Amino acid sequence: MQEEDPFDQGAGSILRQPKAVWATAGASVVAFMGIGLVDPILPSIAKGLEATPSQVSLLFTSYFLITAVAMLVTGFVSSRIGGRKTLLAGLALVVVFAALSGTSTSVGELVGFRAGWGLGNALFVSTSLAVIVGAAAGGSAAAILLYESALGLGMACGPLLGALLGDASWRYPFFGTAALMAIGFVCITAFLREQPRPARKTSLLDPVKALGHGGLASVATSAFFYNYAFFTILAFTPFVLDMTPYKSGAVFFAWGLLLAVFSVLVAPRLQERFGSLRVLGASLVLLAVDLLVLGYGNHTAAIVCTIASGAFIGMNNTVYTELALGVSDAPRPVASAGYNFVRWFAAAAAPYLAPKIEEWSDVHMPFVVAAVTAVIGAVVVGVRRSALTREAAELRAEHAAEDGVTIFAE
């Protein structure tokens, strides 16, 4: 079957979607903004709360640790109360805990509130992908690109919002996020109808059981090592750059723009030409090289490599998402939960370990470790290449029949 172009202006276009999809995607943008929001203000938070970089890095660790564990809960909840109510519950939690984060008087309070924020974000983000896939016109290909567009835009705008509001006070970005998520809550309430619930309710252990599938386990393992590299850049680099919130925000805004462009525009075209696994392996190796230059170059090189890493991260995110949804025989929400359960643990580990590694050695070593993990991710893909290709081929026809398009070609 010929693969459809999701940017075609026909009925299957990524741009011609129901209001419910746009409302969910818009709220997803704000949800992803919350990840990079604190980047430009990490030094300001450390100064304002008299905390060390390793203490402030716990803002990421608590957030993603709770997010990882909550992945086991999201399917359990959404299969019982429905996707719409799960989205609204997640949004409500984010609004409450983002606002509370802005009132923190100690780094311990802020870390705790970020953990609650992570729970809400897990409920929302994991369910939003399933809702977009289920409600989007054009099948999974258009839906995944729309989701990745929201991710890229959120990643780009988060640091910018953090810089603009954080220049006055590190507290304001948290209040701003709470306000935006409240708007998202209203939009979801107004435009998204409840979708049909699955015939079979998801148990808490279903995502773990799904990881028994060799293909999904391989993708999740590779993504685990990749995410360590990804979040070393996101959480540790601001301390290395040591710039004002405005300048740091500009750097990560440019980083986010590259992430969005390469995830939505470049990655699909490279996949079509070279195959998903070749693109992923090459991108991971290039990310490792970028990390080494970032760690050992001068300040200008560090800025350039930070921005450039957005291109590799954008391509990786798209390919990993498609592999996770397309390689397993488990229902997509279950496969996504199992995959995210594994990979978010690395997102929790990297922000905590990177400053510790610097304390134990020097400022270069955290980037060396991150580069090694990116290479390990590529090795996993290479070693499991034949299995991933075979299992993907077996499921391609099934997914094409469901969606009318091919999820990815290898």
Protein backbone atom coordinates (compact mmCIF):
# COMPACT_ATOMS: atom_id res chain seq x y z
CA MET A 1 0.00 0.00 0.00
CA GLN A 2 1.35 3.43 -0.87
CA GLU A 3 2.07 5.59 2.12
CA GLU A 4 -0.08 8.70 2.35
CA ASP A 5 1.45 12.11 2.87
CA PRO A 6 0.06 13.39 6.18
CA PHE A 7 0.62 16.97 5.04
CA ASP A 8 -1.59 16.50 1.99
CA GLN A 9 -4.50 18.94 2.12
CA GLY A 10 -7.09 16.20 1.68
CA ALA A 11 -9.23 14.64 4.37
CA GLY A 12 -6.26 12.78 5.87
CA SER A 13 -4.10 15.88 6.29
CA ILE A 14 -2.42 16.59 9.61
CA LEU A 15 -3.85 20.12 9.24
CA ARG A 16 -7.49 19.06 8.81
CA GLN A 17 -8.47 17.63 12.15
CA PRO A 18 -11.56 17.73 14.38
CA LYS A 19 -11.77 20.40 17.07
CA ALA A 20 -11.33 17.73 19.73
CA VAL A 21 -7.94 16.79 18.29
CA TRP A 22 -6.78 20.40 18.16
CA ALA A 23 -7.96 21.00 21.73
CA THR A 24 -6.04 17.94 22.94
CA ALA A 25 -2.96 18.87 20.90
CA GLY A 26 -3.06 22.43 22.21
CA ALA A 27 -3.19 21.25 25.79
CA SER A 28 -0.35 18.84 24.96
CA VAL A 29 1.79 21.78 23.87
CA VAL A 30 1.40 23.34 27.31
CA ALA A 31 2.03 20.00 29.01
CA PHE A 32 5.34 19.63 27.17
CA MET A 33 6.17 23.25 27.92
CA GLY A 34 6.25 22.22 31.57
CA ILE A 35 9.23 19.93 30.92
CA GLY A 36 11.59 22.63 29.66
CA LEU A 37 9.99 25.50 31.54
CA VAL A 38 12.50 25.42 34.38
CA ASP A 39 15.59 25.20 32.15
CA PRO A 40 16.39 28.94 31.89
CA ILE A 41 15.57 29.55 35.56
CA LEU A 42 17.47 26.65 37.17
CA PRO A 43 20.32 28.95 38.30
CA SER A 44 17.75 31.52 39.50
CA ILE A 45 15.88 28.85 41.48
CA ALA A 46 19.16 27.66 43.01
CA LYS A 47 19.98 31.21 44.03
CA GLY A 48 16.47 32.08 45.24
CA LEU A 49 16.12 28.95 47.39
CA GLU A 50 19.82 28.78 48.37
CA ALA A 51 20.16 25.33 46.82
CA THR A 52 22.98 23.50 45.03
CA PRO A 53 22.74 22.39 41.38
CA SER A 54 22.31 18.76 42.46
CA GLN A 55 19.45 19.75 44.77
CA VAL A 56 17.74 21.80 42.05
CA SER A 57 18.17 18.94 39.58
CA LEU A 58 15.77 16.98 41.77
CA LEU A 59 13.02 19.09 40.15
CA PHE A 60 13.47 16.88 37.11
CA THR A 61 14.15 13.69 39.05
CA SER A 62 11.00 13.84 41.19
CA TYR A 63 8.92 14.87 38.18
CA PHE A 64 10.04 12.02 35.93
CA LEU A 65 10.28 9.37 38.64
CA ILE A 66 6.61 9.87 39.47
CA THR A 67 5.83 10.09 35.74
CA ALA A 68 7.51 6.71 35.14
CA VAL A 69 5.67 4.93 37.95
CA ALA A 70 2.40 6.59 37.00
CA MET A 71 2.62 5.01 33.55
CA LEU A 72 1.45 1.78 35.17
CA VAL A 73 -1.64 3.60 36.43
CA THR A 74 -2.71 5.62 33.39
CA GLY A 75 -4.14 2.73 31.37
CA PHE A 76 -5.79 1.29 34.48
CA VAL A 77 -7.52 4.62 35.11
CA SER A 78 -8.43 5.56 31.53
CA SER A 79 -9.90 2.13 30.74
CA ARG A 80 -12.28 2.57 33.68
CA ILE A 81 -13.26 6.25 33.62
CA GLY A 82 -12.56 7.00 29.94
CA GLY A 83 -9.95 9.06 28.12
CA ARG A 84 -11.73 12.41 28.52
CA LYS A 85 -12.05 12.18 32.29
CA THR A 86 -8.45 10.98 32.57
CA LEU A 87 -7.23 13.97 30.57
CA LEU A 88 -9.23 16.35 32.75
CA ALA A 89 -7.97 14.72 35.95
CA GLY A 90 -4.38 15.07 34.73
CA LEU A 91 -4.91 18.70 33.75
CA ALA A 92 -6.49 19.50 37.10
CA LEU A 93 -3.52 18.01 38.97
CA VAL A 94 -1.07 20.01 36.84
CA VAL A 95 -2.97 23.25 37.48
CA VAL A 96 -2.95 22.68 41.24
CA PHE A 97 0.66 21.55 41.60
CA ALA A 98 2.09 24.06 39.12
CA ALA A 99 0.45 26.85 41.11
CA LEU A 100 1.72 25.38 44.37
CA SER A 101 5.23 25.16 42.90
CA GLY A 102 5.20 28.92 42.53
CA THR A 103 4.50 29.34 46.24
CA SER A 104 7.41 27.14 47.41
CA THR A 105 9.61 28.45 50.21
CA SER A 106 12.23 25.68 50.04
CA VAL A 107 13.70 23.38 47.44
CA GLY A 108 12.15 20.42 49.27
CA GLU A 109 8.66 21.87 48.84
CA LEU A 110 9.31 22.62 45.18
CA VAL A 111 10.59 19.09 44.54
CA GLY A 112 7.47 17.67 46.22
CA PHE A 113 5.10 19.84 44.21
CA ARG A 114 6.91 18.90 41.00
CA ALA A 115 6.28 15.24 41.87
CA GLY A 116 2.53 15.94 42.03
CA TRP A 117 2.86 17.82 38.75
CA GLY A 118 4.53 14.72 37.27
CA LEU A 119 1.57 12.55 38.23
CA GLY A 120 -0.85 14.91 36.49
CA ASN A 121 1.38 15.15 33.46
CA ALA A 122 1.64 11.35 33.21
CA LEU A 123 -2.14 10.99 33.24
CA PHE A 124 -2.49 13.66 30.59
CA VAL A 125 0.43 12.97 28.24
CA SER A 126 0.02 9.20 27.99
CA THR A 127 -3.73 9.49 27.44
CA SER A 128 -3.47 12.41 25.02
CA LEU A 129 -1.49 10.33 22.53
CA ALA A 130 -4.15 7.60 22.59
CA VAL A 131 -6.93 10.21 22.25
CA ILE A 132 -5.24 11.94 19.32
CA VAL A 133 -4.60 8.61 17.58
CA GLY A 134 -8.21 7.59 18.14
CA ALA A 135 -9.81 10.86 17.06
CA ALA A 136 -7.48 12.13 14.35
CA ALA A 137 -8.35 12.05 10.66
CA GLY A 138 -5.75 10.30 8.52
CA GLY A 139 -4.79 7.43 10.82
CA SER A 140 -1.77 6.92 13.04
CA ALA A 141 0.81 8.55 10.76
CA ALA A 142 -0.94 11.94 10.85
CA ALA A 143 -1.79 11.55 14.53
CA ILE A 144 1.78 10.77 15.57
CA LEU A 145 3.13 13.71 13.58
CA LEU A 146 0.56 15.98 15.19
CA TYR A 147 1.57 14.67 18.62
CA GLU A 148 5.26 15.17 17.82
CA SER A 149 4.45 18.69 16.56
CA ALA A 150 2.87 19.45 19.93
CA LEU A 151 5.91 17.99 21.69
CA GLY A 152 8.34 20.04 19.62
CA LEU A 153 6.37 23.27 19.95
CA GLY A 154 6.02 22.75 23.70
CA MET A 155 9.71 21.99 24.09
CA ALA A 156 10.54 25.16 22.15
CA CYS A 157 8.10 27.46 23.92
CA GLY A 158 8.70 26.15 27.44
CA PRO A 159 12.18 27.65 27.84
CA LEU A 160 11.02 30.86 26.16
CA LEU A 161 8.11 31.25 28.57
CA GLY A 162 10.40 30.37 31.46
CA ALA A 163 12.85 33.06 30.39
CA LEU A 164 10.27 35.78 29.78
CA LEU A 165 8.41 35.27 33.05
CA GLY A 166 11.42 34.08 35.02
CA ASP A 167 13.38 37.25 34.38
CA ALA A 168 11.10 39.01 36.86
CA SER A 169 10.82 36.11 39.31
CA TRP A 170 11.50 32.38 39.15
CA ARG A 171 7.99 31.87 40.55
CA TYR A 172 6.09 33.42 37.65
CA PRO A 173 6.66 30.61 35.08
CA PHE A 174 4.91 28.17 37.42
CA PHE A 175 1.90 30.45 37.78
CA GLY A 176 1.88 31.00 34.01
CA THR A 177 1.82 27.27 33.33
CA ALA A 178 -1.04 26.79 35.78
CA ALA A 179 -3.05 29.45 33.96
CA LEU A 180 -2.37 27.93 30.52
CA MET A 181 -3.28 24.44 31.68
CA ALA A 182 -6.51 25.82 33.12
CA ILE A 183 -7.32 27.12 29.63
CA GLY A 184 -6.51 23.65 28.28
CA PHE A 185 -8.92 22.17 30.82
CA VAL A 186 -11.71 24.43 29.52
CA CYS A 187 -10.94 23.55 25.88
CA ILE A 188 -10.95 19.79 26.55
CA THR A 189 -14.21 20.16 28.47
CA ALA A 190 -15.81 22.07 25.60
CA PHE A 191 -14.60 20.19 22.54
CA LEU A 192 -13.67 16.62 23.43
CA ARG A 193 -16.43 14.05 23.67
CA GLU A 194 -15.92 10.85 25.60
CA GLN A 195 -14.43 8.13 23.43
CA PRO A 196 -15.55 4.50 23.57
CA ARG A 197 -13.85 2.61 26.37
CA PRO A 198 -11.87 -0.53 25.51
CA ALA A 199 -13.77 -3.79 25.69
CA ARG A 200 -11.20 -5.11 28.16
CA LYS A 201 -10.11 -3.06 31.18
CA THR A 202 -6.38 -2.59 31.58
CA SER A 203 -4.75 -3.99 34.71
CA LEU A 204 -1.85 -2.37 36.53
CA LEU A 205 0.52 -5.08 35.31
CA ASP A 206 -0.49 -5.05 31.63
CA PRO A 207 2.22 -2.52 30.63
CA VAL A 208 4.86 -4.65 32.38
CA LYS A 209 3.55 -7.80 30.70
CA ALA A 210 3.67 -6.00 27.34
CA LEU A 211 7.42 -5.59 27.83
CA GLY A 212 7.70 -9.36 27.56
CA HIS A 213 7.40 -8.78 23.80
CA GLY A 214 10.96 -8.80 22.43
CA GLY A 215 10.45 -5.93 20.03
CA LEU A 216 8.89 -3.57 22.57
CA ALA A 217 11.48 -4.50 25.21
CA SER A 218 14.26 -3.71 22.74
CA VAL A 219 12.78 -0.34 21.82
CA ALA A 220 12.23 0.55 25.49
CA THR A 221 15.78 -0.48 26.45
CA SER A 222 17.32 1.57 23.65
CA ALA A 223 15.09 4.53 24.56
CA PHE A 224 16.17 4.25 28.19
CA PHE A 225 19.81 4.88 27.28
CA TYR A 226 18.85 7.57 24.78
CA ASN A 227 16.73 9.40 27.33
CA TYR A 228 19.67 9.54 29.72
CA ALA A 229 21.60 11.48 27.06
CA PHE A 230 18.56 13.62 26.22
CA PHE A 231 17.96 14.74 29.78
CA THR A 232 21.60 15.32 30.55
CA ILE A 233 21.39 18.04 27.92
CA LEU A 234 18.07 19.38 29.17
CA ALA A 235 18.80 19.41 32.91
CA PHE A 236 22.58 19.80 33.23
CA THR A 237 23.58 22.06 30.34
CA PRO A 238 21.95 25.23 31.79
CA PHE A 239 24.44 25.13 34.66
CA VAL A 240 27.33 24.69 32.24
CA LEU A 241 26.20 27.54 30.00
CA ASP A 242 25.67 29.77 33.07
CA MET A 243 23.70 32.43 31.18
CA THR A 244 20.96 34.88 32.09
CA PRO A 245 17.38 33.54 31.85
CA TYR A 246 16.84 35.48 28.60
CA LYS A 247 19.96 34.12 26.91
CA SER A 248 19.44 30.60 28.18
CA GLY A 249 15.81 30.76 27.09
CA ALA A 250 16.88 31.86 23.61
CA VAL A 251 19.32 28.95 23.33
CA PHE A 252 16.71 26.39 24.33
CA PHE A 253 14.06 28.03 22.18
CA ALA A 254 16.32 27.54 19.16
CA TRP A 255 16.96 23.98 20.39
CA GLY A 256 13.23 23.35 20.59
CA LEU A 257 12.60 24.77 17.11
CA LEU A 258 15.15 22.35 15.64
CA LEU A 259 13.54 19.55 17.63
CA ALA A 260 10.13 20.40 16.17
CA VAL A 261 11.34 20.79 12.58
CA PHE A 262 13.35 17.56 12.55
CA SER A 263 10.68 15.52 14.32
CA VAL A 264 7.84 16.60 12.05
CA LEU A 265 9.44 17.48 8.70
CA VAL A 266 12.85 15.84 8.43
CA ALA A 267 12.48 12.50 10.25
CA PRO A 268 9.56 11.15 8.14
CA ARG A 269 11.41 11.90 4.90
CA LEU A 270 14.64 10.30 6.11
CA GLN A 271 12.68 7.28 7.32
CA GLU A 272 11.05 6.89 3.93
CA ARG A 273 14.41 6.98 2.19
CA PHE A 274 16.69 5.07 4.57
CA GLY A 275 14.39 3.17 6.94
CA SER A 276 13.54 3.88 10.58
CA LEU A 277 16.28 1.82 12.19
CA ARG A 278 19.08 3.26 10.06
CA VAL A 279 17.90 6.79 10.80
CA LEU A 280 17.66 6.06 14.52
CA GLY A 281 21.08 4.41 14.76
CA ALA A 282 22.82 7.19 12.85
CA SER A 283 21.04 9.91 14.82
CA LEU A 284 22.08 8.35 18.14
CA VAL A 285 25.73 8.18 17.07
CA LEU A 286 25.66 11.80 15.89
CA LEU A 287 24.08 12.80 19.21
CA ALA A 288 26.98 11.11 21.01
CA VAL A 289 29.50 13.08 18.94
CA ASP A 290 27.58 16.29 19.63
CA LEU A 291 27.68 15.57 23.38
CA LEU A 292 31.46 15.09 23.36
CA VAL A 293 32.01 18.39 21.55
CA LEU A 294 29.55 20.06 23.93
CA GLY A 295 31.49 18.75 26.92
CA TYR A 296 35.00 19.57 25.72
CA GLY A 297 34.46 22.63 23.52
CA ASN A 298 34.54 26.28 24.54
CA HIS A 299 31.47 28.25 25.57
CA THR A 300 30.50 29.08 21.99
CA ALA A 301 30.82 25.43 20.97
CA ALA A 302 28.66 24.44 23.94
CA ILE A 303 25.91 26.82 22.80
CA VAL A 304 26.06 25.59 19.20
CA CYS A 305 26.06 21.93 20.22
CA THR A 306 23.18 22.44 22.65
CA ILE A 307 21.08 23.93 19.85
CA ALA A 308 22.22 21.30 17.32
CA SER A 309 21.27 18.46 19.66
CA GLY A 310 17.63 19.44 19.10
CA ALA A 311 17.86 18.08 15.55
CA PHE A 312 18.99 14.62 16.69
CA ILE A 313 16.56 14.55 19.60
CA GLY A 314 13.69 15.48 17.28
CA MET A 315 14.46 12.63 14.90
CA ASN A 316 14.93 10.16 17.74
CA ASN A 317 11.65 11.10 19.42
CA THR A 318 9.62 10.53 16.26
CA VAL A 319 11.21 7.18 15.41
CA TYR A 320 11.01 5.87 18.97
CA THR A 321 7.33 6.81 19.25
CA GLU A 322 6.47 5.06 16.00
CA LEU A 323 8.48 1.97 16.92
CA ALA A 324 6.89 1.73 20.35
CA LEU A 325 3.38 1.96 18.89
CA GLY A 326 4.06 -0.20 15.85
CA VAL A 327 6.35 -3.03 16.90
CA SER A 328 4.28 -4.65 19.65
CA ASP A 329 1.17 -6.80 19.39
CA ALA A 330 -0.21 -5.21 22.60
CA PRO A 331 -2.92 -2.51 22.38
CA ARG A 332 -1.26 0.81 21.63
CA PRO A 333 -2.11 2.50 24.97
CA VAL A 334 -0.67 -0.50 26.84
CA ALA A 335 2.46 -0.65 24.66
CA SER A 336 2.96 3.10 25.08
CA ALA A 337 2.62 2.83 28.87
CA GLY A 338 5.15 0.00 29.09
CA TYR A 339 7.59 1.83 26.83
CA ASN A 340 7.26 5.09 28.78
CA PHE A 341 7.53 3.26 32.11
CA VAL A 342 11.05 2.17 31.16
CA ARG A 343 12.34 5.27 29.41
CA TRP A 344 11.20 7.85 31.96
CA PHE A 345 13.37 6.23 34.63
CA ALA A 346 16.40 7.43 32.66
CA ALA A 347 14.86 10.91 32.52
CA ALA A 348 14.69 10.78 36.31
CA ALA A 349 18.24 9.46 36.71
CA ALA A 350 20.15 11.81 34.40
CA PRO A 351 19.32 15.14 36.12
CA TYR A 352 20.37 13.68 39.48
CA LEU A 353 23.49 11.81 38.34
CA ALA A 354 24.98 14.45 36.01
CA PRO A 355 25.75 17.01 38.77
CA LYS A 356 26.96 14.19 41.03
CA ILE A 357 29.32 12.93 38.32
CA GLU A 358 30.68 16.47 37.96
CA GLU A 359 31.28 16.62 41.73
CA TRP A 360 33.08 13.26 41.63
CA SER A 361 35.19 14.10 38.55
CA ASP A 362 34.97 17.23 36.39
CA VAL A 363 32.52 19.14 34.21
CA HIS A 364 33.39 17.09 31.10
CA MET A 365 32.58 13.64 32.46
CA PRO A 366 28.74 13.99 32.59
CA PHE A 367 28.76 14.54 28.83
CA VAL A 368 31.10 11.61 28.26
CA VAL A 369 28.73 9.34 30.19
CA ALA A 370 25.76 10.71 28.22
CA ALA A 371 27.59 10.11 24.94
CA VAL A 372 28.30 6.53 25.97
CA THR A 373 24.62 5.94 26.77
CA ALA A 374 23.61 7.30 23.34
CA VAL A 375 26.00 4.85 21.70
CA ILE A 376 24.60 2.00 23.82
CA GLY A 377 21.14 2.94 22.57
CA ALA A 378 22.40 2.67 18.99
CA VAL A 379 24.06 -0.69 19.73
CA VAL A 380 20.78 -2.08 21.09
CA VAL A 381 19.03 -1.03 17.88
CA GLY A 382 21.79 -2.60 15.79
CA VAL A 383 21.86 -5.89 17.71
CA ARG A 384 18.08 -6.23 17.64
CA ARG A 385 17.74 -4.93 14.09
CA SER A 386 16.62 -8.17 12.46
CA ALA A 387 14.04 -8.90 15.15
CA LEU A 388 12.65 -5.35 15.04
CA THR A 389 12.42 -5.44 11.26
CA ARG A 390 10.72 -8.83 11.19
CA GLU A 391 8.23 -8.03 13.93
CA ALA A 392 7.45 -4.65 12.38
CA ALA A 393 6.81 -6.28 9.02
CA GLU A 394 4.38 -8.76 10.58
CA LEU A 395 2.36 -5.96 12.16
CA ARG A 396 2.53 -3.48 9.28
CA ALA A 397 -0.36 -4.98 7.35
CA GLU A 398 -2.53 -5.09 10.48
CA HIS A 399 -1.89 -1.43 11.31
CA ALA A 400 -2.36 -0.37 7.71
CA ALA A 401 -5.74 -2.12 7.70
CA GLU A 402 -6.69 -0.31 10.91
CA ASP A 403 -5.53 3.15 9.90
CA GLY A 404 -5.37 3.20 6.12
CA VAL A 405 -1.67 4.18 6.24
CA THR A 406 1.65 2.61 7.03
CA ILE A 407 3.10 3.64 10.38
CA PHE A 408 6.73 3.29 9.33
CA ALA A 409 8.72 1.65 6.62
CA GLU A 410 11.89 -0.31 7.10
